[in-house]
Amino acid sequence: MLLSIIESIISIFIVYKCCEKFEFKVTWAIYTGIYVLLAVIKNGFSVFFMALILYAILSAIIILIYYKIYEHCGNSFWKFFGISLLVQIVVIFIITFLTGIIIYSTASNGILSGM
């Protein structure tokens, strides 16, 4: 979870700078490119097309949310940073909570089998 927060802080800074200088499509392409490149570095070129499709869709949604926050905040980086970080933390907790519920309800062996 800490790694997700650090990654979120870096992506917030990158997206803010891109929103400042570029339009939606360019920001989306940069964001998608960074995450596809990281996936290829981590897993090799065998995941390139899957990562490209997956991150293209996810990046469109994420950049849309960031653009709405950017439009709301104007040129205030700290306001953008605070709202974006709050949204990221809430999303991380929701995903963690839902994952826990899914694991708890579907686990048939291991530590949760007796519960």
PDB file of N, CA and C in Angstrom:
ATOM      1  N   MET A   1       0.824  -1.191   0.000  1.00  0.00           N
ATOM      2  CA  MET A   1       0.000   0.000   0.000  1.00  0.00           C
ATOM      3  C   MET A   1       0.869   1.256   0.000  1.00  0.00           C
ATOM      4  N   LEU A   2       1.986   1.225   0.712  1.00  0.00           N
ATOM      5  CA  LEU A   2       2.879   2.374   0.744  1.00  0.00           C
ATOM      6  C   LEU A   2       3.461   2.631  -0.639  1.00  0.00           C
ATOM      7  N   LEU A   3       3.784   1.568  -1.354  1.00  0.00           N
ATOM      8  CA  LEU A   3       4.299   1.713  -2.711  1.00  0.00           C
ATOM      9  C   LEU A   3       3.250   2.350  -3.628  1.00  0.00           C
ATOM     10  N   SER A   4       1.996   2.013  -3.432  1.00  0.00           N
ATOM     11  CA  SER A   4       0.913   2.607  -4.221  1.00  0.00           C
ATOM     12  C   SER A   4       0.793   4.098  -3.944  1.00  0.00           C
ATOM     13  N   ILE A   5       0.974   4.495  -2.706  1.00  0.00           N
ATOM     14  CA  ILE A   5       0.888   5.916  -2.361  1.00  0.00           C
ATOM     15  C   ILE A   5       2.062   6.679  -2.964  1.00  0.00           C
ATOM     16  N   ILE A   6       3.262   6.102  -2.917  1.00  0.00           N
ATOM     17  CA  ILE A   6       4.429   6.753  -3.522  1.00  0.00           C
ATOM     18  C   ILE A   6       4.245   6.869  -5.032  1.00  0.00           C
ATOM     19  N   GLU A   7       3.754   5.809  -5.650  1.00  0.00           N
ATOM     20  CA  GLU A   7       3.479   5.830  -7.086  1.00  0.00           C
ATOM     21  C   GLU A   7       2.418   6.874  -7.418  1.00  0.00           C
ATOM     22  N   SER A   8       1.434   7.016  -6.571  1.00  0.00           N
ATOM     23  CA  SER A   8       0.378   8.007  -6.778  1.00  0.00           C
ATOM     24  C   SER A   8       0.925   9.421  -6.697  1.00  0.00           C
ATOM     25  N   ILE A   9       1.814   9.677  -5.744  1.00  0.00           N
ATOM     26  CA  ILE A   9       2.407  11.011  -5.606  1.00  0.00           C
ATOM     27  C   ILE A   9       3.209  11.374  -6.850  1.00  0.00           C
ATOM     28  N   ILE A  10       3.982  10.427  -7.364  1.00  0.00           N
ATOM     29  CA  ILE A  10       4.760  10.675  -8.584  1.00  0.00           C
ATOM     30  C   ILE A  10       3.831  10.909  -9.768  1.00  0.00           C
ATOM     31  N   SER A  11       2.789  10.094  -9.894  1.00  0.00           N
ATOM     32  CA  SER A  11       1.876  10.258 -11.031  1.00  0.00           C
ATOM     33  C   SER A  11       1.082  11.557 -10.928  1.00  0.00           C
ATOM     34  N   ILE A  12       0.762  11.992  -9.717  1.00  0.00           N
ATOM     35  CA  ILE A  12       0.055  13.267  -9.546  1.00  0.00           C
ATOM     36  C   ILE A  12       0.919  14.412 -10.053  1.00  0.00           C
ATOM     37  N   PHE A  13       2.197  14.395  -9.709  1.00  0.00           N
ATOM     38  CA  PHE A  13       3.096  15.454 -10.164  1.00  0.00           C
ATOM     39  C   PHE A  13       3.228  15.453 -11.679  1.00  0.00           C
ATOM     40  N   ILE A  14       3.410  14.266 -12.272  1.00  0.00           N
ATOM     41  CA  ILE A  14       3.548  14.164 -13.725  1.00  0.00           C
ATOM     42  C   ILE A  14       2.278  14.633 -14.427  1.00  0.00           C
ATOM     43  N   VAL A  15       1.130  14.212 -13.936  1.00  0.00           N
ATOM     44  CA  VAL A  15      -0.134  14.591 -14.569  1.00  0.00           C
ATOM     45  C   VAL A  15      -0.382  16.091 -14.437  1.00  0.00           C
ATOM     46  N   TYR A  16      -0.045  16.677 -13.299  1.00  0.00           N
ATOM     47  CA  TYR A  16      -0.240  18.118 -13.139  1.00  0.00           C
ATOM     48  C   TYR A  16       0.598  18.899 -14.153  1.00  0.00           C
ATOM     49  N   LYS A  17       1.847  18.508 -14.301  1.00  0.00           N
ATOM     50  CA  LYS A  17       2.719  19.195 -15.264  1.00  0.00           C
ATOM     51  C   LYS A  17       2.212  18.993 -16.685  1.00  0.00           C
ATOM     52  N   CYS A  18       1.703  17.808 -17.001  1.00  0.00           N
ATOM     53  CA  CYS A  18       1.159  17.557 -18.338  1.00  0.00           C
ATOM     54  C   CYS A  18      -0.142  18.326 -18.560  1.00  0.00           C
ATOM     55  N   CYS A  19      -0.995  18.396 -17.539  1.00  0.00           N
ATOM     56  CA  CYS A  19      -2.247  19.139 -17.670  1.00  0.00           C
ATOM     57  C   CYS A  19      -1.976  20.624 -17.877  1.00  0.00           C
ATOM     58  N   GLU A  20      -0.905  21.108 -17.262  1.00  0.00           N
ATOM     59  CA  GLU A  20      -0.530  22.510 -17.391  1.00  0.00           C
ATOM     60  C   GLU A  20      -0.119  22.861 -18.812  1.00  0.00           C
ATOM     61  N   LYS A  21       0.622  21.952 -19.452  1.00  0.00           N
ATOM     62  CA  LYS A  21       1.245  22.265 -20.729  1.00  0.00           C
ATOM     63  C   LYS A  21       0.533  21.672 -21.938  1.00  0.00           C
ATOM     64  N   PHE A  22      -0.183  20.567 -21.753  1.00  0.00           N
ATOM     65  CA  PHE A  22      -0.748  19.847 -22.883  1.00  0.00           C
ATOM     66  C   PHE A  22      -2.251  19.676 -22.726  1.00  0.00           C
ATOM     67  N   GLU A  23      -2.868  19.134 -23.757  1.00  0.00           N
ATOM     68  CA  GLU A  23      -4.292  18.830 -23.706  1.00  0.00           C
ATOM     69  C   GLU A  23      -4.503  17.393 -23.239  1.00  0.00           C
ATOM     70  N   PHE A  24      -5.744  16.969 -23.209  1.00  0.00           N
ATOM     71  CA  PHE A  24      -6.106  15.656 -22.685  1.00  0.00           C
ATOM     72  C   PHE A  24      -5.415  14.522 -23.420  1.00  0.00           C
ATOM     73  N   LYS A  25      -5.419  14.549 -24.750  1.00  0.00           N
ATOM     74  CA  LYS A  25      -4.881  13.430 -25.533  1.00  0.00           C
ATOM     75  C   LYS A  25      -3.380  13.248 -25.321  1.00  0.00           C
ATOM     76  N   VAL A  26      -2.652  14.342 -25.251  1.00  0.00           N
ATOM     77  CA  VAL A  26      -1.204  14.248 -25.051  1.00  0.00           C
ATOM     78  C   VAL A  26      -0.907  13.744 -23.638  1.00  0.00           C
ATOM     79  N   THR A  27      -1.634  14.251 -22.660  1.00  0.00           N
ATOM     80  CA  THR A  27      -1.462  13.789 -21.284  1.00  0.00           C
ATOM     81  C   THR A  27      -1.772  12.305 -21.177  1.00  0.00           C
ATOM     82  N   TRP A  28      -2.839  11.866 -21.830  1.00  0.00           N
ATOM     83  CA  TRP A  28      -3.207  10.450 -21.841  1.00  0.00           C
ATOM     84  C   TRP A  28      -2.106   9.610 -22.477  1.00  0.00           C
ATOM     85  N   ALA A  29      -1.543  10.072 -23.588  1.00  0.00           N
ATOM     86  CA  ALA A  29      -0.488   9.320 -24.274  1.00  0.00           C
ATOM     87  C   ALA A  29       0.769   9.217 -23.408  1.00  0.00           C
ATOM     88  N   ILE A  30       1.141  10.286 -22.735  1.00  0.00           N
ATOM     89  CA  ILE A  30       2.316  10.260 -21.864  1.00  0.00           C
ATOM     90  C   ILE A  30       2.086   9.314 -20.698  1.00  0.00           C
ATOM     91  N   TYR A  31       0.939   9.418 -20.049  1.00  0.00           N
ATOM     92  CA  TYR A  31       0.612   8.571 -18.895  1.00  0.00           C
ATOM     93  C   TYR A  31       0.575   7.101 -19.298  1.00  0.00           C
ATOM     94  N   THR A  32      -0.045   6.803 -20.425  1.00  0.00           N
ATOM     95  CA  THR A  32      -0.111   5.433 -20.922  1.00  0.00           C
ATOM     96  C   THR A  32       1.282   4.924 -21.266  1.00  0.00           C
ATOM     97  N   GLY A  33       2.053   5.749 -21.936  1.00  0.00           N
ATOM     98  CA  GLY A  33       3.405   5.359 -22.318  1.00  0.00           C
ATOM     99  C   GLY A  33       4.289   5.024 -21.135  1.00  0.00           C
ATOM    100  N   ILE A  34       4.197   5.820 -20.077  1.00  0.00           N
ATOM    101  CA  ILE A  34       5.010   5.573 -18.885  1.00  0.00           C
ATOM    102  C   ILE A  34       4.653   4.225 -18.269  1.00  0.00           C
ATOM    103  N   TYR A  35       3.366   3.948 -18.107  1.00  0.00           N
ATOM    104  CA  TYR A  35       2.964   2.698 -17.462  1.00  0.00           C
ATOM    105  C   TYR A  35       3.198   1.479 -18.343  1.00  0.00           C
ATOM    106  N   VAL A  36       3.072   1.622 -19.656  1.00  0.00           N
ATOM    107  CA  VAL A  36       3.397   0.505 -20.553  1.00  0.00           C
ATOM    108  C   VAL A  36       4.897   0.234 -20.512  1.00  0.00           C
ATOM    109  N   LEU A  37       5.688   1.289 -20.492  1.00  0.00           N
ATOM    110  CA  LEU A  37       7.137   1.119 -20.402  1.00  0.00           C
ATOM    111  C   LEU A  37       7.539   0.432 -19.106  1.00  0.00           C
ATOM    112  N   LEU A  38       6.926   0.820 -17.991  1.00  0.00           N
ATOM    113  CA  LEU A  38       7.217   0.157 -16.720  1.00  0.00           C
ATOM    114  C   LEU A  38       6.800  -1.307 -16.733  1.00  0.00           C
ATOM    115  N   ALA A  39       5.675  -1.622 -17.367  1.00  0.00           N
ATOM    116  CA  ALA A  39       5.232  -3.016 -17.460  1.00  0.00           C
ATOM    117  C   ALA A  39       6.188  -3.836 -18.314  1.00  0.00           C
ATOM    118  N   VAL A  40       6.679  -3.250 -19.400  1.00  0.00           N
ATOM    119  CA  VAL A  40       7.619  -3.960 -20.269  1.00  0.00           C
ATOM    120  C   VAL A  40       8.948  -4.169 -19.563  1.00  0.00           C
ATOM    121  N   ILE A  41       9.402  -3.173 -18.822  1.00  0.00           N
ATOM    122  CA  ILE A  41      10.654  -3.325 -18.071  1.00  0.00           C
ATOM    123  C   ILE A  41      10.513  -4.409 -17.015  1.00  0.00           C
ATOM    124  N   LYS A  42       9.380  -4.447 -16.358  1.00  0.00           N
ATOM    125  CA  LYS A  42       9.181  -5.420 -15.279  1.00  0.00           C
ATOM    126  C   LYS A  42       8.968  -6.841 -15.804  1.00  0.00           C
ATOM    127  N   ASN A  43       8.199  -6.999 -16.886  1.00  0.00           N
ATOM    128  CA  ASN A  43       7.783  -8.327 -17.337  1.00  0.00           C
ATOM    129  C   ASN A  43       8.307  -8.729 -18.708  1.00  0.00           C
ATOM    130  N   GLY A  44       8.963  -7.861 -19.413  1.00  0.00           N
ATOM    131  CA  GLY A  44       9.452  -8.173 -20.745  1.00  0.00           C
ATOM    132  C   GLY A  44       8.431  -7.813 -21.822  1.00  0.00           C
ATOM    133  N   PHE A  45       8.848  -7.985 -23.083  1.00  0.00           N
ATOM    134  CA  PHE A  45       7.992  -7.588 -24.199  1.00  0.00           C
ATOM    135  C   PHE A  45       6.819  -8.535 -24.446  1.00  0.00           C
ATOM    136  N   SER A  46       6.763  -9.636 -23.726  1.00  0.00           N
ATOM    137  CA  SER A  46       5.648 -10.562 -23.920  1.00  0.00           C
ATOM    138  C   SER A  46       4.321  -9.973 -23.448  1.00  0.00           C
ATOM    139  N   VAL A  47       4.369  -8.957 -22.587  1.00  0.00           N
ATOM    140  CA  VAL A  47       3.145  -8.350 -22.071  1.00  0.00           C
ATOM    141  C   VAL A  47       2.850  -7.008 -22.727  1.00  0.00           C
ATOM    142  N   PHE A  48       3.585  -6.655 -23.785  1.00  0.00           N
ATOM    143  CA  PHE A  48       3.460  -5.325 -24.379  1.00  0.00           C
ATOM    144  C   PHE A  48       2.037  -5.019 -24.845  1.00  0.00           C
ATOM    145  N   PHE A  49       1.456  -5.887 -25.654  1.00  0.00           N
ATOM    146  CA  PHE A  49       0.127  -5.597 -26.206  1.00  0.00           C
ATOM    147  C   PHE A  49      -0.962  -5.632 -25.137  1.00  0.00           C
ATOM    148  N   MET A  50      -0.854  -6.577 -24.216  1.00  0.00           N
ATOM    149  CA  MET A  50      -1.830  -6.629 -23.133  1.00  0.00           C
ATOM    150  C   MET A  50      -1.724  -5.366 -22.269  1.00  0.00           C
ATOM    151  N   ALA A  51      -0.485  -4.964 -21.944  1.00  0.00           N
ATOM    152  CA  ALA A  51      -0.280  -3.765 -21.137  1.00  0.00           C
ATOM    153  C   ALA A  51      -0.757  -2.530 -21.888  1.00  0.00           C
ATOM    154  N   LEU A  52      -0.516  -2.480 -23.183  1.00  0.00           N
ATOM    155  CA  LEU A  52      -0.947  -1.335 -23.975  1.00  0.00           C
ATOM    156  C   LEU A  52      -2.468  -1.181 -23.945  1.00  0.00           C
ATOM    157  N   ILE A  53      -3.182  -2.275 -24.140  1.00  0.00           N
ATOM    158  CA  ILE A  53      -4.644  -2.225 -24.132  1.00  0.00           C
ATOM    159  C   ILE A  53      -5.168  -1.902 -22.736  1.00  0.00           C
ATOM    160  N   LEU A  54      -4.640  -2.595 -21.735  1.00  0.00           N
ATOM    161  CA  LEU A  54      -5.095  -2.391 -20.364  1.00  0.00           C
ATOM    162  C   LEU A  54      -4.828  -0.965 -19.885  1.00  0.00           C
ATOM    163  N   TYR A  55      -3.606  -0.498 -20.066  1.00  0.00           N
ATOM    164  CA  TYR A  55      -3.270   0.837 -19.579  1.00  0.00           C
ATOM    165  C   TYR A  55      -3.880   1.944 -20.426  1.00  0.00           C
ATOM    166  N   ALA A  56      -4.173   1.681 -21.679  1.00  0.00           N
ATOM    167  CA  ALA A  56      -4.850   2.686 -22.497  1.00  0.00           C
ATOM    168  C   ALA A  56      -6.253   2.960 -21.950  1.00  0.00           C
ATOM    169  N   ILE A  57      -6.949   1.907 -21.572  1.00  0.00           N
ATOM    170  CA  ILE A  57      -8.299   2.068 -21.019  1.00  0.00           C
ATOM    171  C   ILE A  57      -8.253   2.683 -19.628  1.00  0.00           C
ATOM    172  N   LEU A  58      -7.388   2.140 -18.768  1.00  0.00           N
ATOM    173  CA  LEU A  58      -7.284   2.673 -17.411  1.00  0.00           C
ATOM    174  C   LEU A  58      -6.795   4.121 -17.390  1.00  0.00           C
ATOM    175  N   SER A  59      -5.839   4.432 -18.256  1.00  0.00           N
ATOM    176  CA  SER A  59      -5.308   5.791 -18.296  1.00  0.00           C
ATOM    177  C   SER A  59      -6.361   6.797 -18.748  1.00  0.00           C
ATOM    178  N   ALA A  60      -7.211   6.395 -19.652  1.00  0.00           N
ATOM    179  CA  ALA A  60      -8.267   7.305 -20.096  1.00  0.00           C
ATOM    180  C   ALA A  60      -9.179   7.686 -18.928  1.00  0.00           C
ATOM    181  N   ILE A  61      -9.534   6.712 -18.114  1.00  0.00           N
ATOM    182  CA  ILE A  61     -10.389   6.979 -16.955  1.00  0.00           C
ATOM    183  C   ILE A  61      -9.651   7.825 -15.922  1.00  0.00           C
ATOM    184  N   ILE A  62      -8.401   7.454 -15.646  1.00  0.00           N
ATOM    185  CA  ILE A  62      -7.624   8.178 -14.632  1.00  0.00           C
ATOM    186  C   ILE A  62      -7.361   9.613 -15.060  1.00  0.00           C
ATOM    187  N   ILE A  63      -6.968   9.810 -16.302  1.00  0.00           N
ATOM    188  CA  ILE A  63      -6.679  11.166 -16.787  1.00  0.00           C
ATOM    189  C   ILE A  63      -7.951  11.999 -16.821  1.00  0.00           C
ATOM    190  N   LEU A  64      -9.082  11.399 -17.131  1.00  0.00           N
ATOM    191  CA  LEU A  64     -10.343  12.133 -17.095  1.00  0.00           C
ATOM    192  C   LEU A  64     -10.629  12.645 -15.689  1.00  0.00           C
ATOM    193  N   ILE A  65     -10.409  11.804 -14.689  1.00  0.00           N
ATOM    194  CA  ILE A  65     -10.608  12.226 -13.292  1.00  0.00           C
ATOM    195  C   ILE A  65      -9.624  13.331 -12.929  1.00  0.00           C
ATOM    196  N   TYR A  66      -8.359  13.142 -13.294  1.00  0.00           N
ATOM    197  CA  TYR A  66      -7.359  14.168 -13.000  1.00  0.00           C
ATOM    198  C   TYR A  66      -7.675  15.492 -13.700  1.00  0.00           C
ATOM    199  N   TYR A  67      -8.164  15.431 -14.933  1.00  0.00           N
ATOM    200  CA  TYR A  67      -8.507  16.667 -15.642  1.00  0.00           C
ATOM    201  C   TYR A  67      -9.667  17.393 -14.968  1.00  0.00           C
ATOM    202  N   LYS A  68     -10.638  16.637 -14.485  1.00  0.00           N
ATOM    203  CA  LYS A  68     -11.743  17.279 -13.754  1.00  0.00           C
ATOM    204  C   LYS A  68     -11.229  17.955 -12.493  1.00  0.00           C
ATOM    205  N   ILE A  69     -10.305  17.293 -11.787  1.00  0.00           N
ATOM    206  CA  ILE A  69      -9.715  17.896 -10.592  1.00  0.00           C
ATOM    207  C   ILE A  69      -8.900  19.130 -10.979  1.00  0.00           C
ATOM    208  N   TYR A  70      -8.140  19.046 -12.070  1.00  0.00           N
ATOM    209  CA  TYR A  70      -7.325  20.172 -12.522  1.00  0.00           C
ATOM    210  C   TYR A  70      -8.201  21.372 -12.888  1.00  0.00           C
ATOM    211  N   GLU A  71      -9.302  21.134 -13.582  1.00  0.00           N
ATOM    212  CA  GLU A  71     -10.213  22.219 -13.933  1.00  0.00           C
ATOM    213  C   GLU A  71     -10.819  22.854 -12.693  1.00  0.00           C
ATOM    214  N   HIS A  72     -11.097  22.037 -11.680  1.00  0.00           N
ATOM    215  CA  HIS A  72     -11.664  22.541 -10.431  1.00  0.00           C
ATOM    216  C   HIS A  72     -10.657  23.388  -9.663  1.00  0.00           C
ATOM    217  N   CYS A  73      -9.381  23.013  -9.716  1.00  0.00           N
ATOM    218  CA  CYS A  73      -8.357  23.669  -8.903  1.00  0.00           C
ATOM    219  C   CYS A  73      -7.702  24.863  -9.587  1.00  0.00           C
ATOM    220  N   GLY A  74      -7.864  24.995 -10.878  1.00  0.00           N
ATOM    221  CA  GLY A  74      -7.200  26.102 -11.568  1.00  0.00           C
ATOM    222  C   GLY A  74      -5.701  25.875 -11.636  1.00  0.00           C
ATOM    223  N   ASN A  75      -4.935  26.884 -11.245  1.00  0.00           N
ATOM    224  CA  ASN A  75      -3.481  26.789 -11.313  1.00  0.00           C
ATOM    225  C   ASN A  75      -2.832  26.500  -9.970  1.00  0.00           C
ATOM    226  N   SER A  76      -3.577  26.096  -8.997  1.00  0.00           N
ATOM    227  CA  SER A  76      -3.036  25.814  -7.672  1.00  0.00           C
ATOM    228  C   SER A  76      -2.537  24.370  -7.599  1.00  0.00           C
ATOM    229  N   PHE A  77      -1.211  24.215  -7.570  1.00  0.00           N
ATOM    230  CA  PHE A  77      -0.644  22.869  -7.522  1.00  0.00           C
ATOM    231  C   PHE A  77      -0.996  22.178  -6.217  1.00  0.00           C
ATOM    232  N   TRP A  78      -0.903  22.880  -5.100  1.00  0.00           N
ATOM    233  CA  TRP A  78      -1.123  22.241  -3.804  1.00  0.00           C
ATOM    234  C   TRP A  78      -2.574  21.821  -3.612  1.00  0.00           C
ATOM    235  N   LYS A  79      -3.502  22.591  -4.149  1.00  0.00           N
ATOM    236  CA  LYS A  79      -4.911  22.191  -4.083  1.00  0.00           C
ATOM    237  C   LYS A  79      -5.139  20.947  -4.948  1.00  0.00           C
ATOM    238  N   PHE A  80      -4.550  20.958  -6.155  1.00  0.00           N
ATOM    239  CA  PHE A  80      -4.628  19.797  -7.042  1.00  0.00           C
ATOM    240  C   PHE A  80      -3.992  18.581  -6.376  1.00  0.00           C
ATOM    241  N   PHE A  81      -2.824  18.774  -5.779  1.00  0.00           N
ATOM    242  CA  PHE A  81      -2.114  17.691  -5.119  1.00  0.00           C
ATOM    243  C   PHE A  81      -2.931  17.112  -3.964  1.00  0.00           C
ATOM    244  N   GLY A  82      -3.498  17.972  -3.139  1.00  0.00           N
ATOM    245  CA  GLY A  82      -4.277  17.515  -1.991  1.00  0.00           C
ATOM    246  C   GLY A  82      -5.522  16.744  -2.390  1.00  0.00           C
ATOM    247  N   ILE A  83      -6.279  17.288  -3.318  1.00  0.00           N
ATOM    248  CA  ILE A  83      -7.507  16.606  -3.755  1.00  0.00           C
ATOM    249  C   ILE A  83      -7.167  15.295  -4.469  1.00  0.00           C
ATOM    250  N   SER A  84      -6.149  15.316  -5.331  1.00  0.00           N
ATOM    251  CA  SER A  84      -5.760  14.107  -6.049  1.00  0.00           C
ATOM    252  C   SER A  84      -5.247  13.034  -5.106  1.00  0.00           C
ATOM    253  N   LEU A  85      -4.446  13.429  -4.126  1.00  0.00           N
ATOM    254  CA  LEU A  85      -3.931  12.460  -3.159  1.00  0.00           C
ATOM    255  C   LEU A  85      -5.062  11.875  -2.324  1.00  0.00           C
ATOM    256  N   LEU A  86      -6.000  12.704  -1.941  1.00  0.00           N
ATOM    257  CA  LEU A  86      -7.155  12.218  -1.186  1.00  0.00           C
ATOM    258  C   LEU A  86      -7.968  11.222  -2.007  1.00  0.00           C
ATOM    259  N   VAL A  87      -8.200  11.532  -3.278  1.00  0.00           N
ATOM    260  CA  VAL A  87      -8.938  10.618  -4.163  1.00  0.00           C
ATOM    261  C   VAL A  87      -8.169   9.306  -4.322  1.00  0.00           C
ATOM    262  N   GLN A  88      -6.850   9.388  -4.518  1.00  0.00           N
ATOM    263  CA  GLN A  88      -6.040   8.184  -4.666  1.00  0.00           C
ATOM    264  C   GLN A  88      -6.084   7.311  -3.416  1.00  0.00           C
ATOM    265  N   ILE A  89      -5.965   7.926  -2.248  1.00  0.00           N
ATOM    266  CA  ILE A  89      -5.993   7.160  -1.000  1.00  0.00           C
ATOM    267  C   ILE A  89      -7.344   6.490  -0.801  1.00  0.00           C
ATOM    268  N   VAL A  90      -8.427   7.204  -1.103  1.00  0.00           N
ATOM    269  CA  VAL A  90      -9.767   6.616  -0.981  1.00  0.00           C
ATOM    270  C   VAL A  90      -9.919   5.435  -1.936  1.00  0.00           C
ATOM    271  N   VAL A  91      -9.441   5.586  -3.172  1.00  0.00           N
ATOM    272  CA  VAL A  91      -9.530   4.498  -4.149  1.00  0.00           C
ATOM    273  C   VAL A  91      -8.696   3.305  -3.693  1.00  0.00           C
ATOM    274  N   ILE A  92      -7.505   3.550  -3.165  1.00  0.00           N
ATOM    275  CA  ILE A  92      -6.653   2.458  -2.683  1.00  0.00           C
ATOM    276  C   ILE A  92      -7.340   1.708  -1.543  1.00  0.00           C
ATOM    277  N   PHE A  93      -7.941   2.434  -0.601  1.00  0.00           N
ATOM    278  CA  PHE A  93      -8.624   1.770   0.507  1.00  0.00           C
ATOM    279  C   PHE A  93      -9.852   0.996   0.040  1.00  0.00           C
ATOM    280  N   ILE A  94     -10.591   1.547  -0.900  1.00  0.00           N
ATOM    281  CA  ILE A  94     -11.769   0.840  -1.427  1.00  0.00           C
ATOM    282  C   ILE A  94     -11.344  -0.454  -2.122  1.00  0.00           C
ATOM    283  N   ILE A  95     -10.304  -0.386  -2.955  1.00  0.00           N
ATOM    284  CA  ILE A  95      -9.836  -1.580  -3.655  1.00  0.00           C
ATOM    285  C   ILE A  95      -9.307  -2.606  -2.658  1.00  0.00           C
ATOM    286  N   THR A  96      -8.566  -2.146  -1.651  1.00  0.00           N
ATOM    287  CA  THR A  96      -8.055  -3.058  -0.629  1.00  0.00           C
ATOM    288  C   THR A  96      -9.196  -3.708   0.141  1.00  0.00           C
ATOM    289  N   PHE A  97     -10.204  -2.938   0.498  1.00  0.00           N
ATOM    290  CA  PHE A  97     -11.362  -3.465   1.223  1.00  0.00           C
ATOM    291  C   PHE A  97     -12.126  -4.480   0.386  1.00  0.00           C
ATOM    292  N   LEU A  98     -12.379  -4.147  -0.884  1.00  0.00           N
ATOM    293  CA  LEU A  98     -13.096  -5.073  -1.760  1.00  0.00           C
ATOM    294  C   LEU A  98     -12.299  -6.350  -1.998  1.00  0.00           C
ATOM    295  N   THR A  99     -10.992  -6.224  -2.147  1.00  0.00           N
ATOM    296  CA  THR A  99     -10.149  -7.403  -2.312  1.00  0.00           C
ATOM    297  C   THR A  99     -10.213  -8.289  -1.074  1.00  0.00           C
ATOM    298  N   GLY A 100     -10.170  -7.674   0.084  1.00  0.00           N
ATOM    299  CA  GLY A 100     -10.285  -8.443   1.328  1.00  0.00           C
ATOM    300  C   GLY A 100     -11.602  -9.170   1.441  1.00  0.00           C
ATOM    301  N   ILE A 101     -12.685  -8.505   1.070  1.00  0.00           N
ATOM    302  CA  ILE A 101     -13.999  -9.143   1.116  1.00  0.00           C
ATOM    303  C   ILE A 101     -14.070 -10.301   0.125  1.00  0.00           C
ATOM    304  N   ILE A 102     -13.554 -10.112  -1.065  1.00  0.00           N
ATOM    305  CA  ILE A 102     -13.579 -11.171  -2.071  1.00  0.00           C
ATOM    306  C   ILE A 102     -12.738 -12.358  -1.618  1.00  0.00           C
ATOM    307  N   ILE A 103     -11.567 -12.078  -1.095  1.00  0.00           N
ATOM    308  CA  ILE A 103     -10.710 -13.166  -0.611  1.00  0.00           C
ATOM    309  C   ILE A 103     -11.371 -13.878   0.558  1.00  0.00           C
ATOM    310  N   TYR A 104     -11.934 -13.118   1.475  1.00  0.00           N
ATOM    311  CA  TYR A 104     -12.581 -13.720   2.644  1.00  0.00           C
ATOM    312  C   TYR A 104     -13.770 -14.591   2.243  1.00  0.00           C
ATOM    313  N   SER A 105     -14.531 -14.153   1.258  1.00  0.00           N
ATOM    314  CA  SER A 105     -15.729 -14.903   0.892  1.00  0.00           C
ATOM    315  C   SER A 105     -15.441 -16.077  -0.036  1.00  0.00           C
ATOM    316  N   THR A 106     -14.325 -16.062  -0.726  1.00  0.00           N
ATOM    317  CA  THR A 106     -14.048 -17.148  -1.668  1.00  0.00           C
ATOM    318  C   THR A 106     -12.945 -18.086  -1.216  1.00  0.00           C
ATOM    319  N   ALA A 107     -12.271 -17.772  -0.143  1.00  0.00           N
ATOM    320  CA  ALA A 107     -11.156 -18.632   0.303  1.00  0.00           C
ATOM    321  C   ALA A 107     -11.695 -19.929   0.876  1.00  0.00           C
ATOM    322  N   SER A 108     -11.190 -21.030   0.367  1.00  0.00           N
ATOM    323  CA  SER A 108     -11.647 -22.333   0.863  1.00  0.00           C
ATOM    324  C   SER A 108     -10.527 -23.089   1.583  1.00  0.00           C
ATOM    325  N   ASN A 109      -9.357 -22.524   1.591  1.00  0.00           N
ATOM    326  CA  ASN A 109      -8.259 -23.159   2.301  1.00  0.00           C
ATOM    327  C   ASN A 109      -7.360 -22.072   2.893  1.00  0.00           C
ATOM    328  N   GLY A 110      -6.417 -22.477   3.671  1.00  0.00           N
ATOM    329  CA  GLY A 110      -5.497 -21.515   4.248  1.00  0.00           C
ATOM    330  C   GLY A 110      -6.018 -20.915   5.534  1.00  0.00           C
ATOM    331  N   ILE A 111      -5.602 -19.715   5.829  1.00  0.00           N
ATOM    332  CA  ILE A 111      -5.883 -19.085   7.112  1.00  0.00           C
ATOM    333  C   ILE A 111      -7.367 -18.747   7.293  1.00  0.00           C
ATOM    334  N   LEU A 112      -8.100 -18.556   6.205  1.00  0.00           N
ATOM    335  CA  LEU A 112      -9.498 -18.149   6.324  1.00  0.00           C
ATOM    336  C   LEU A 112     -10.468 -19.322   6.285  1.00  0.00           C
ATOM    337  N   SER A 113      -9.979 -20.528   6.169  1.00  0.00           N
ATOM    338  CA  SER A 113     -10.884 -21.673   6.016  1.00  0.00           C
ATOM    339  C   SER A 113     -11.710 -21.967   7.256  1.00  0.00           C
ATOM    340  N   GLY A 114     -11.223 -21.642   8.428  1.00  0.00           N
ATOM    341  CA  GLY A 114     -11.955 -21.939   9.648  1.00  0.00           C
ATOM    342  C   GLY A 114     -12.950 -20.871  10.035  1.00  0.00           C
ATOM    343  N   MET A 115     -13.020 -19.794   9.333  1.00  0.00           N
ATOM    344  CA  MET A 115     -13.880 -18.670   9.738  1.00  0.00           C
ATOM    345  C   MET A 115     -15.247 -18.775   9.141  1.00  0.00           C
TER     346      MET A 115
END
